[in-house]
């Protein structure tokens, strides 16, 4: 097995035991990026020199017998909406194209403290608004499993990087499915933690009531390891709850699902989603039952019927407020005008992309008198109804399974012809975000054409560790995803789960 194919845990163990060096692991990933990223276009900024220097520092600590942290020498990538001191942070937008932060996001600091090595910043839909990673200043990212298809979004660059072997770990953000859907499309594991589990400090906001830092990896075990570094209280973020987190790596030692009550979502017609994804849902249910769980059907009538509408009203209103500071005066690019108002118009028209402008305009409209009372206020009430629906379900189930996406990865360019389909593609992910629940997109292997299959596991809020335990049991039965070789035929297959 090549170094770039190793998991994060395997890499850290190899570095600490001096089987290979952190520099060796870092160079293997950098070589992988050099070989494939001209095709995949997953990275906005590469920090190769800094990464090699950091890897050498890790090796030096190990040679001296000093403490190095649980992710010692593990290469990772971060979505380009994480602030990184001294490294530009663009959010894939012209308005921040030249911005270089003077501080790190808390998540970046935590990864540094754990010994991980940052390789660079990944592509995303501008300001994390999109589901395909096509709305970007550097152009679209391609899916390494099929170069004619999108990797999902908005964390498509991070998901594609993990799938292509650029790094065993990547950080993304998930607002309404922006890590889970790309994980599903690229055939890797992606987790949105409970809202408030991980600090959002230093993340460029899209919708602060929904955004959550979320890891991607090729194994559930790696997600558990990185969660132990990320999940902690932070005085810089008042929404990051102050409570003692469990040991996530202990939870994944769960041997079977005996005594677990698992709900399987059946509140839709099978014709409403791809047949192979429906088959994956049934297969996951069978695996749960074979492992000793009690499996029963369940439904989410409020969440599924009203989730997408409630999410977009809530998120767009939030985005309109958050992005108001990018006005040509306080933050971002500046384009002169004959008056203050003209300067605002010139700056925001030239520097925001079409999708971001659309969402800001709609969000601003939703916050005006009349629309606020008729749409935004009721949306908040429906959101609470969804939370109540989830609470009632978790009196009966420990976790439940539903699709991550109703469709397989779609072709590049579809956003131009059918943007509504992209919005409706969030139907199974946005309710989980509105409820603040943890959700994991779990790889179910590949179909006959090499396209990834997946399911979504959902748990009760703050029961992230228990959810990881269930995911680990299923992953052992399915097999962990293999690395894709972008553009090379016959290499995009995945463990025991490949069809």
Protein backbone atom coordinates (compact mmCIF):
# COMPACT_ATOMS: atom_id res chain seq x y z
CA UNK A 1 0.00 0.00 0.00
CA UNK A 2 1.31 3.45 -0.96
CA UNK A 3 1.67 6.14 1.71
CA UNK A 4 -1.12 8.27 0.18
CA UNK A 5 -3.52 5.33 0.55
CA UNK A 6 -3.05 5.06 4.32
CA UNK A 7 -5.68 6.26 6.75
CA UNK A 8 -4.92 9.11 9.13
CA UNK A 9 -4.52 6.69 12.03
CA UNK A 10 -2.21 4.44 10.03
CA UNK A 11 -0.16 7.46 8.97
CA UNK A 12 0.20 8.77 12.54
CA UNK A 13 1.17 5.31 13.82
CA UNK A 14 3.75 4.90 11.05
CA UNK A 15 5.27 8.32 11.73
CA UNK A 16 5.45 7.78 15.49
CA UNK A 17 7.01 4.32 15.11
CA UNK A 18 9.52 5.76 12.59
CA UNK A 19 8.38 3.30 9.94
CA UNK A 20 8.39 6.33 7.68
CA UNK A 21 8.72 10.06 8.32
CA UNK A 22 6.11 12.80 8.38
CA UNK A 23 8.02 14.35 5.50
CA UNK A 24 7.68 11.11 3.51
CA UNK A 25 3.90 11.08 4.09
CA UNK A 26 3.61 14.76 3.18
CA UNK A 27 5.64 14.42 -0.01
CA UNK A 28 3.59 11.39 -1.07
CA UNK A 29 0.41 13.46 -0.84
CA UNK A 30 2.01 16.47 -2.55
CA UNK A 31 3.13 14.20 -5.39
CA UNK A 32 -0.43 12.93 -5.69
CA UNK A 33 -1.72 16.50 -5.92
CA UNK A 34 0.92 17.35 -8.54
CA UNK A 35 -0.09 14.31 -10.58
CA UNK A 36 -3.85 14.81 -10.63
CA UNK A 37 -5.03 18.25 -9.59
CA UNK A 38 -4.57 19.86 -12.99
CA UNK A 39 -7.46 17.56 -13.97
CA UNK A 40 -9.54 17.54 -10.78
CA UNK A 41 -9.13 21.23 -9.81
CA UNK A 42 -9.80 20.59 -6.12
CA UNK A 43 -7.29 23.06 -4.65
CA UNK A 44 -7.34 26.86 -4.61
CA UNK A 45 -4.08 27.33 -2.69
CA UNK A 46 -1.26 24.85 -2.14
CA UNK A 47 1.10 25.46 0.80
CA UNK A 48 3.75 22.88 -0.09
CA UNK A 49 6.79 24.61 1.45
CA UNK A 50 5.01 25.31 4.72
CA UNK A 51 3.74 21.72 4.82
CA UNK A 52 7.20 20.22 4.37
CA UNK A 53 8.58 22.55 7.07
CA UNK A 54 5.80 21.48 9.46
CA UNK A 55 6.38 17.81 8.67
CA UNK A 56 10.09 18.17 9.38
CA UNK A 57 9.25 19.83 12.71
CA UNK A 58 7.09 16.82 13.60
CA UNK A 59 9.91 14.44 12.69
CA UNK A 60 12.33 16.43 14.83
CA UNK A 61 10.00 16.22 17.84
CA UNK A 62 9.72 12.47 17.41
CA UNK A 63 13.49 12.08 17.16
CA UNK A 64 13.80 13.94 20.47
CA UNK A 65 11.10 11.85 22.12
CA UNK A 66 8.76 14.82 22.55
CA UNK A 67 4.95 14.65 22.59
CA UNK A 68 3.53 15.09 19.08
CA UNK A 69 -0.27 14.71 19.29
CA UNK A 70 -2.72 12.13 17.92
CA UNK A 71 -2.44 13.28 14.28
CA UNK A 72 1.35 13.60 14.20
CA UNK A 73 2.50 14.05 10.62
CA UNK A 74 -0.95 13.44 9.09
CA UNK A 75 -1.48 15.58 5.96
CA UNK A 76 -4.84 17.33 5.69
CA UNK A 77 -6.64 19.98 3.64
CA UNK A 78 -9.11 22.68 4.65
CA UNK A 79 -11.98 24.23 2.74
CA UNK A 80 -11.16 27.77 1.67
CA UNK A 81 -13.65 29.35 4.06
CA UNK A 82 -11.45 28.53 7.08
CA UNK A 83 -9.30 31.49 8.12
CA UNK A 84 -5.61 30.59 7.92
CA UNK A 85 -3.03 33.02 9.25
CA UNK A 86 -0.73 34.20 6.48
CA UNK A 87 -2.50 32.07 3.85
CA UNK A 88 -5.12 33.68 1.63
CA UNK A 89 -8.72 32.73 2.27
CA UNK A 90 -10.94 33.45 -0.72
CA UNK A 91 -14.23 31.64 -0.08
CA UNK A 92 -14.03 31.08 -3.87
CA UNK A 93 -15.17 34.66 -4.39
CA UNK A 94 -13.72 37.64 -6.23
CA UNK A 95 -14.67 39.82 -3.28
CA UNK A 96 -12.09 38.02 -1.09
CA UNK A 97 -9.68 36.96 -3.82
CA UNK A 98 -6.67 38.73 -2.28
CA UNK A 99 -7.58 38.53 1.43
CA UNK A 100 -4.99 37.09 3.80
CA UNK A 101 -6.22 36.56 7.40
CA UNK A 102 -4.06 37.41 10.40
CA UNK A 103 -5.44 34.59 12.54
CA UNK A 104 -6.48 30.94 12.33
CA UNK A 105 -9.91 29.45 12.70
CA UNK A 106 -10.13 27.52 15.97
CA UNK A 107 -10.42 24.27 14.01
CA UNK A 108 -7.11 25.01 12.25
CA UNK A 109 -5.43 25.70 15.59
CA UNK A 110 -6.78 22.43 16.98
CA UNK A 111 -5.46 20.49 13.98
CA UNK A 112 -2.07 22.17 14.36
CA UNK A 113 -2.01 21.27 18.05
CA UNK A 114 -2.72 17.64 17.16
CA UNK A 115 0.35 17.52 14.90
CA UNK A 116 -1.51 17.48 11.57
CA UNK A 117 0.14 19.06 8.50
CA UNK A 118 -1.90 21.50 6.40
CA UNK A 119 -1.27 21.02 2.66
CA UNK A 120 -3.53 23.80 1.38
CA UNK A 121 -7.04 25.12 0.84
CA UNK A 122 -9.76 23.42 -1.19
CA UNK A 123 -12.28 24.63 -3.73
CA UNK A 124 -15.92 25.29 -2.84
CA UNK A 125 -19.05 26.91 -4.16
CA UNK A 126 -18.70 30.65 -3.58
CA UNK A 127 -19.41 31.45 0.08
CA UNK A 128 -20.48 27.79 0.46
CA UNK A 129 -23.66 28.48 -1.53
CA UNK A 130 -24.21 25.56 -3.86
CA UNK A 131 -24.34 21.81 -4.27
CA UNK A 132 -21.86 21.16 -7.07
CA UNK A 133 -18.61 23.15 -6.53
CA UNK A 134 -19.12 24.81 -9.90
CA UNK A 135 -19.72 28.35 -8.55
CA UNK A 136 -16.06 29.21 -7.99
CA UNK A 137 -13.46 31.75 -9.08
CA UNK A 138 -11.15 28.91 -10.20
CA UNK A 139 -13.84 26.97 -12.03
CA UNK A 140 -15.51 23.65 -11.20
CA UNK A 141 -13.98 20.76 -9.32
CA UNK A 142 -14.45 17.40 -11.02
CA UNK A 143 -15.45 14.15 -9.35
CA UNK A 144 -12.40 11.84 -9.20
CA UNK A 145 -14.70 8.80 -9.52
CA UNK A 146 -16.06 10.14 -12.85
CA UNK A 147 -14.49 13.25 -14.34
CA UNK A 148 -17.67 14.14 -16.24
CA UNK A 149 -19.60 14.59 -12.99
CA UNK A 150 -19.67 17.04 -10.10
CA UNK A 151 -18.18 16.16 -6.71
CA UNK A 152 -21.12 17.72 -4.88
CA UNK A 153 -20.94 20.87 -2.83
CA UNK A 154 -20.26 23.11 -1.31
CA UNK A 155 -17.30 21.17 0.17
CA UNK A 156 -16.63 19.42 -3.14
CA UNK A 157 -12.94 20.28 -3.17
CA UNK A 158 -12.42 18.67 0.22
CA UNK A 159 -14.38 15.52 -0.69
CA UNK A 160 -12.66 15.15 -4.06
CA UNK A 161 -9.25 15.56 -2.38
CA UNK A 162 -9.89 12.73 0.07
CA UNK A 163 -11.29 10.48 -2.67
CA UNK A 164 -8.29 11.16 -4.95
CA UNK A 165 -5.71 10.44 -2.23
CA UNK A 166 -4.46 14.00 -1.78
CA UNK A 167 -4.79 13.57 2.00
CA UNK A 168 -6.46 11.11 4.37
CA UNK A 169 -8.38 13.96 6.03
CA UNK A 170 -10.06 17.18 4.96
CA UNK A 171 -12.14 19.77 6.74
CA UNK A 172 -15.32 21.18 5.29
CA UNK A 173 -18.38 22.99 6.54
CA UNK A 174 -21.92 21.65 6.42
CA UNK A 175 -24.85 24.08 6.43
CA UNK A 176 -27.55 22.05 4.73
CA UNK A 177 -25.60 19.03 3.49
CA UNK A 178 -22.39 20.61 2.22
CA UNK A 179 -20.17 17.81 3.56
CA UNK A 180 -22.57 14.87 3.55
CA UNK A 181 -23.64 15.28 -0.09
CA UNK A 182 -20.06 15.65 -1.47
CA UNK A 183 -19.01 12.66 0.64
CA UNK A 184 -21.84 10.67 -0.96
CA UNK A 185 -20.96 11.85 -4.48
CA UNK A 186 -17.22 11.15 -4.10
CA UNK A 187 -17.52 7.87 -2.23
CA UNK A 188 -15.92 8.81 1.10
CA UNK A 189 -17.13 9.20 4.69
CA UNK A 190 -18.35 12.62 5.83
CA UNK A 191 -19.85 13.72 9.12
CA UNK A 192 -21.82 16.78 10.16
CA UNK A 193 -21.48 16.92 13.96
CA UNK A 194 -24.26 18.17 16.21
CA UNK A 195 -24.66 21.93 16.02
CA UNK A 196 -22.53 23.39 18.81
CA UNK A 197 -20.18 20.40 18.93
CA UNK A 198 -17.28 22.12 17.10
CA UNK A 199 -16.26 25.79 17.20
CA UNK A 200 -17.21 27.94 14.20
CA UNK A 201 -14.75 30.69 15.16
CA UNK A 202 -12.78 31.79 12.12
CA UNK A 203 -15.17 30.24 9.61
CA UNK A 204 -16.50 32.68 7.02
CA UNK A 205 -20.20 32.43 7.70
CA UNK A 206 -22.99 31.51 5.32
CA UNK A 207 -25.75 30.89 7.88
CA UNK A 208 -24.54 31.00 11.47
CA UNK A 209 -27.55 29.20 12.90
CA UNK A 210 -26.75 26.17 10.71
CA UNK A 211 -23.03 26.14 9.78
CA UNK A 212 -20.91 23.43 11.38
CA UNK A 213 -17.28 22.41 10.89
CA UNK A 214 -17.33 18.87 9.49
CA UNK A 215 -14.61 16.30 8.73
CA UNK A 216 -14.21 14.06 5.68
CA UNK A 217 -12.10 10.89 5.58
CA UNK A 218 -11.91 7.44 4.02
CA UNK A 219 -12.64 5.67 7.32
CA UNK A 220 -15.07 6.17 10.18
CA UNK A 221 -12.16 5.60 12.56
CA UNK A 222 -10.37 8.65 11.12
CA UNK A 223 -13.47 10.76 11.64
CA UNK A 224 -13.55 9.66 15.27
CA UNK A 225 -9.86 10.54 15.69
CA UNK A 226 -10.24 14.01 14.18
CA UNK A 227 -13.41 14.67 16.19
CA UNK A 228 -11.38 14.23 19.38
CA UNK A 229 -9.16 17.07 18.20
CA UNK A 230 -11.98 19.34 17.00
CA UNK A 231 -14.83 18.83 19.47
CA UNK A 232 -14.23 21.01 22.51
CA UNK A 233 -15.70 24.17 24.08
CA UNK A 234 -14.41 27.48 22.72
CA UNK A 235 -14.84 30.82 24.46
CA UNK A 236 -14.56 32.53 21.05
CA UNK A 237 -17.82 30.91 19.89
CA UNK A 238 -20.86 31.31 22.12
CA UNK A 239 -22.75 28.65 20.11
CA UNK A 240 -20.06 26.04 20.84
CA UNK A 241 -21.55 24.36 23.87
CA UNK A 242 -19.50 23.96 27.04
CA UNK A 243 -19.80 20.33 28.07
CA UNK A 244 -17.40 17.41 28.38
CA UNK A 245 -17.17 15.55 25.09
CA UNK A 246 -16.97 11.73 25.11
CA UNK A 247 -13.98 9.81 23.77
CA UNK A 248 -15.06 9.25 20.19
CA UNK A 249 -12.43 6.58 19.49
CA UNK A 250 -13.83 4.43 22.32
CA UNK A 251 -17.27 4.50 20.69
CA UNK A 252 -16.08 2.94 17.42
CA UNK A 253 -14.94 -0.22 19.24
CA UNK A 254 -18.61 -1.30 19.24
CA UNK A 255 -18.64 -4.92 18.07
CA UNK A 256 -22.25 -5.27 16.95
CA UNK A 257 -25.62 -3.56 17.08
CA UNK A 258 -27.34 -5.85 19.58
CA UNK A 259 -29.86 -3.85 21.59
CA UNK A 260 -29.84 -0.94 19.12
CA UNK A 261 -33.11 0.31 17.68
CA UNK A 262 -32.68 1.53 14.11
CA UNK A 263 -35.35 3.30 12.09
CA UNK A 264 -35.34 3.07 8.29
CA UNK A 265 -36.93 5.96 6.46
CA UNK A 266 -39.79 4.98 4.17
CA UNK A 267 -41.63 8.28 3.78
CA UNK A 268 -41.21 8.45 0.02
CA UNK A 269 -41.96 6.53 -3.13
CA UNK A 270 -38.98 4.51 -4.35
CA UNK A 271 -39.48 6.12 -7.77
CA UNK A 272 -38.56 9.51 -6.28
CA UNK A 273 -34.92 8.50 -5.98
CA UNK A 274 -32.35 6.53 -7.90
CA UNK A 275 -33.12 2.81 -7.70
CA UNK A 276 -29.56 1.88 -6.71
CA UNK A 277 -29.59 4.36 -3.83
CA UNK A 278 -32.89 2.92 -2.68
CA UNK A 279 -31.21 -0.48 -2.83
CA UNK A 280 -28.38 0.84 -0.67
CA UNK A 281 -30.92 1.96 1.92
CA UNK A 282 -32.41 -1.54 2.03
CA UNK A 283 -28.94 -3.11 2.17
CA UNK A 284 -27.93 -0.93 5.13
CA UNK A 285 -31.13 -1.95 6.93
CA UNK A 286 -30.34 -5.62 6.32
CA UNK A 287 -26.79 -5.18 7.64
CA UNK A 288 -28.13 -3.52 10.79
CA UNK A 289 -30.53 -6.40 11.33
CA UNK A 290 -27.80 -8.99 10.69
CA UNK A 291 -25.68 -7.26 13.34
CA UNK A 292 -28.40 -7.65 15.94
CA UNK A 293 -30.32 -4.37 15.74
CA UNK A 294 -34.08 -4.09 15.85
CA UNK A 295 -35.02 -2.44 12.54
CA UNK A 296 -38.37 -0.78 11.92
CA UNK A 297 -39.74 1.66 9.32
CA UNK A 298 -40.12 5.32 10.23
CA UNK A 299 -41.25 8.56 8.60
CA UNK A 300 -40.57 12.29 8.83
CA UNK A 301 -43.72 13.83 7.37
CA UNK A 302 -43.05 17.41 8.53
CA UNK A 303 -39.30 17.44 7.89
CA UNK A 304 -39.47 15.99 4.38
CA UNK A 305 -42.48 17.99 3.21
CA UNK A 306 -41.36 21.36 4.56
CA UNK A 307 -37.61 20.92 5.08
CA UNK A 308 -36.28 22.42 1.84
CA UNK A 309 -38.58 25.46 1.97
CA UNK A 310 -37.86 26.06 5.65
CA UNK A 311 -34.13 25.69 5.12
CA UNK A 312 -33.90 28.15 2.24
CA UNK A 313 -36.02 30.77 3.98
CA UNK A 314 -33.91 30.45 7.14
CA UNK A 315 -30.50 30.17 5.47
CA UNK A 316 -31.02 32.92 2.88
CA UNK A 317 -32.24 35.40 5.47
CA UNK A 318 -29.19 34.58 7.59
CA UNK A 319 -26.88 34.90 4.56
CA UNK A 320 -28.28 38.31 3.65
CA UNK A 321 -27.38 39.55 7.12
CA UNK A 322 -23.94 37.90 7.23
CA UNK A 323 -22.79 39.07 3.81
CA UNK A 324 -23.88 42.69 4.31
CA UNK A 325 -20.38 43.54 5.57
CA UNK A 326 -18.89 42.91 2.12
CA UNK A 327 -19.85 46.34 0.86
CA UNK A 328 -16.62 47.76 -0.59
CA UNK A 329 -15.92 49.73 2.58
CA UNK A 330 -15.52 47.34 5.49
CA UNK A 331 -14.42 44.04 3.96
CA UNK A 332 -13.36 42.67 0.61
CA UNK A 333 -12.86 44.22 -2.80
CA UNK A 334 -13.60 47.88 -3.53
CA UNK A 335 -14.83 49.35 -6.83
CA UNK A 336 -15.33 53.11 -6.92
CA UNK A 337 -18.54 54.86 -7.91
CA UNK A 338 -19.81 58.43 -8.21
CA UNK A 339 -21.79 58.01 -5.00
CA UNK A 340 -21.78 55.71 -1.98
CA UNK A 341 -24.76 53.80 -3.35
CA UNK A 342 -23.12 53.39 -6.75
CA UNK A 343 -19.96 52.13 -5.06
CA UNK A 344 -22.01 49.50 -3.21
CA UNK A 345 -23.69 48.42 -6.44
CA UNK A 346 -20.46 48.34 -8.43
CA UNK A 347 -18.58 46.37 -5.80
CA UNK A 348 -21.21 43.76 -5.05
CA UNK A 349 -22.31 43.29 -8.68
CA UNK A 350 -18.78 42.74 -9.96
CA UNK A 351 -17.47 40.76 -6.99
CA UNK A 352 -20.31 38.37 -6.11
CA UNK A 353 -21.28 35.53 -8.43
CA UNK A 354 -24.79 34.91 -9.74
CA UNK A 355 -25.79 32.34 -7.10
CA UNK A 356 -24.58 34.48 -4.20
CA UNK A 357 -26.38 37.55 -5.57
CA UNK A 358 -29.55 35.51 -5.98
CA UNK A 359 -29.45 34.30 -2.38
CA UNK A 360 -28.63 37.73 -0.94
CA UNK A 361 -31.51 39.35 -2.85
CA UNK A 362 -33.97 36.65 -1.79
CA UNK A 363 -32.74 36.77 1.81
CA UNK A 364 -33.02 40.55 1.95
CA UNK A 365 -36.55 40.31 0.61
CA UNK A 366 -37.47 37.75 3.27
CA UNK A 367 -36.35 40.14 6.02
CA UNK A 368 -38.45 43.08 4.83
CA UNK A 369 -41.75 43.97 6.45
CA UNK A 370 -44.56 41.74 5.26
CA UNK A 371 -42.30 39.02 3.95
CA UNK A 372 -40.74 38.62 7.41
CA UNK A 373 -44.14 38.05 9.02
CA UNK A 374 -45.42 35.83 6.21
CA UNK A 375 -42.33 33.72 5.55
CA UNK A 376 -39.42 34.06 7.96
CA UNK A 377 -41.47 33.99 11.16
CA UNK A 378 -43.50 30.93 10.09
CA UNK A 379 -40.30 29.18 8.93
CA UNK A 380 -38.88 29.44 12.45
CA UNK A 381 -42.06 27.90 13.83
CA UNK A 382 -41.90 25.04 11.33
CA UNK A 383 -38.26 24.50 12.26
CA UNK A 384 -39.33 24.00 15.87
CA UNK A 385 -42.01 21.55 14.70
CA UNK A 386 -39.25 19.55 13.01
CA UNK A 387 -37.20 19.50 16.21
CA UNK A 388 -40.26 18.19 18.06
CA UNK A 389 -40.72 15.52 15.38
CA UNK A 390 -37.11 14.41 15.79
CA UNK A 391 -37.39 14.34 19.59
CA UNK A 392 -40.45 12.11 19.36
CA UNK A 393 -38.66 9.73 17.00
CA UNK A 394 -35.65 9.38 19.28
CA UNK A 395 -37.89 8.18 22.08
CA UNK A 396 -38.27 5.07 19.92
CA UNK A 397 -34.98 4.82 17.98
CA UNK A 398 -31.28 5.13 18.77
CA UNK A 399 -30.56 6.19 15.19
CA UNK A 400 -32.17 6.08 11.81
CA UNK A 401 -31.11 5.57 8.20
CA UNK A 402 -32.23 7.62 5.24
CA UNK A 403 -30.70 8.57 1.89
CA UNK A 404 -28.01 11.24 1.70
CA UNK A 405 -29.11 12.30 -1.78
CA UNK A 406 -32.00 11.22 -4.00
CA UNK A 407 -29.65 10.98 -6.99
CA UNK A 408 -26.24 9.73 -8.04
CA UNK A 409 -23.62 12.39 -8.89
CA UNK A 410 -24.98 14.49 -11.73
CA UNK A 411 -23.19 15.70 -14.81
CA UNK A 412 -21.14 18.88 -14.86
CA UNK A 413 -23.10 21.88 -16.14
CA UNK A 414 -26.53 20.77 -14.91
CA UNK A 415 -26.73 23.81 -12.61
CA UNK A 416 -27.06 25.98 -15.71
CA UNK A 417 -30.14 24.13 -16.97
CA UNK A 418 -31.91 22.95 -13.81
CA UNK A 419 -30.99 24.88 -10.62
CA UNK A 420 -34.23 23.77 -8.94
CA UNK A 421 -33.07 20.16 -9.10
CA UNK A 422 -29.97 21.17 -7.15
CA UNK A 423 -32.06 22.75 -4.41
CA UNK A 424 -34.38 19.71 -4.19
CA UNK A 425 -31.32 17.47 -3.99
CA UNK A 426 -30.98 18.69 -0.38
CA UNK A 427 -34.30 17.13 0.65
CA UNK A 428 -32.72 14.49 2.93
CA UNK A 429 -29.89 16.58 4.39
CA UNK A 430 -31.43 19.95 5.27
CA UNK A 431 -33.89 18.62 7.89
CA UNK A 432 -30.96 17.19 9.86
CA UNK A 433 -29.25 20.59 9.84
CA UNK A 434 -32.43 22.37 10.91
CA UNK A 435 -32.68 19.98 13.86
CA UNK A 436 -29.03 20.47 14.86
CA UNK A 437 -28.55 16.69 14.67
CA UNK A 438 -25.40 14.72 13.82
CA UNK A 439 -25.42 12.98 10.46
CA UNK A 440 -22.93 10.74 8.66
CA UNK A 441 -22.85 9.98 4.95
CA UNK A 442 -21.54 6.42 4.79
CA UNK A 443 -20.09 4.92 1.62
CA UNK A 444 -21.93 1.82 0.39
CA UNK A 445 -19.43 1.02 -2.36
CA UNK A 446 -19.80 1.66 -6.08
CA UNK A 447 -22.33 0.64 -8.69
CA UNK A 448 -21.47 -1.15 -11.92
CA UNK A 449 -20.47 2.14 -13.57
CA UNK A 450 -18.11 3.05 -10.75
CA UNK A 451 -20.40 5.71 -9.26
CA UNK A 452 -20.57 5.95 -5.45
CA UNK A 453 -23.52 4.65 -3.44
CA UNK A 454 -24.31 5.89 0.06
CA UNK A 455 -26.70 6.14 2.97
CA UNK A 456 -27.08 8.71 5.73
CA UNK A 457 -27.06 7.77 9.41
CA UNK A 458 -28.65 10.23 11.84
CA UNK A 459 -28.51 10.34 15.62
CA UNK A 460 -29.85 12.35 18.50
CA UNK A 461 -28.24 15.71 19.17
CA UNK A 462 -24.94 15.34 21.08
CA UNK A 463 -25.00 11.55 20.57
CA UNK A 464 -22.28 11.89 17.94
CA UNK A 465 -20.07 9.22 19.51
CA UNK A 466 -22.88 6.65 19.57
CA UNK A 467 -23.62 7.42 15.91
CA UNK A 468 -19.96 6.88 14.99
CA UNK A 469 -20.12 3.50 16.73
CA UNK A 470 -23.05 2.40 14.57
CA UNK A 471 -21.30 3.70 11.43
CA UNK A 472 -18.13 1.77 12.34
CA UNK A 473 -20.04 -1.51 12.63
CA UNK A 474 -21.59 -0.98 9.18
CA UNK A 475 -18.29 0.09 7.63
CA UNK A 476 -16.66 -3.17 8.76
CA UNK A 477 -19.36 -5.07 6.89
CA UNK A 478 -19.24 -2.89 3.77
CA UNK A 479 -15.52 -2.18 3.47
CA UNK A 480 -13.77 1.17 3.54
CA UNK A 481 -13.58 3.23 0.34
CA UNK A 482 -10.48 2.90 -1.82
CA UNK A 483 -8.59 5.81 -3.37
CA UNK A 484 -9.74 6.86 -6.86
CA UNK A 485 -7.31 7.45 -9.72
CA UNK A 486 -8.92 10.36 -11.60
CA UNK A 487 -9.27 9.79 -15.30
CA UNK A 488 -7.67 6.33 -15.24
CA UNK A 489 -10.06 3.49 -16.19
CA UNK A 490 -10.78 0.53 -13.96
CA UNK A 491 -9.37 1.94 -10.72
CA UNK A 492 -12.36 3.52 -8.99
CA UNK A 493 -13.44 0.60 -6.85
CA UNK A 494 -14.13 0.27 -3.18
CA UNK A 495 -13.44 -2.60 -0.84
CA UNK A 496 -16.14 -5.21 -0.21
CA UNK A 497 -18.83 -2.67 -0.89
CA UNK A 498 -18.09 -2.30 -4.59
CA UNK A 499 -20.86 -3.62 -6.80
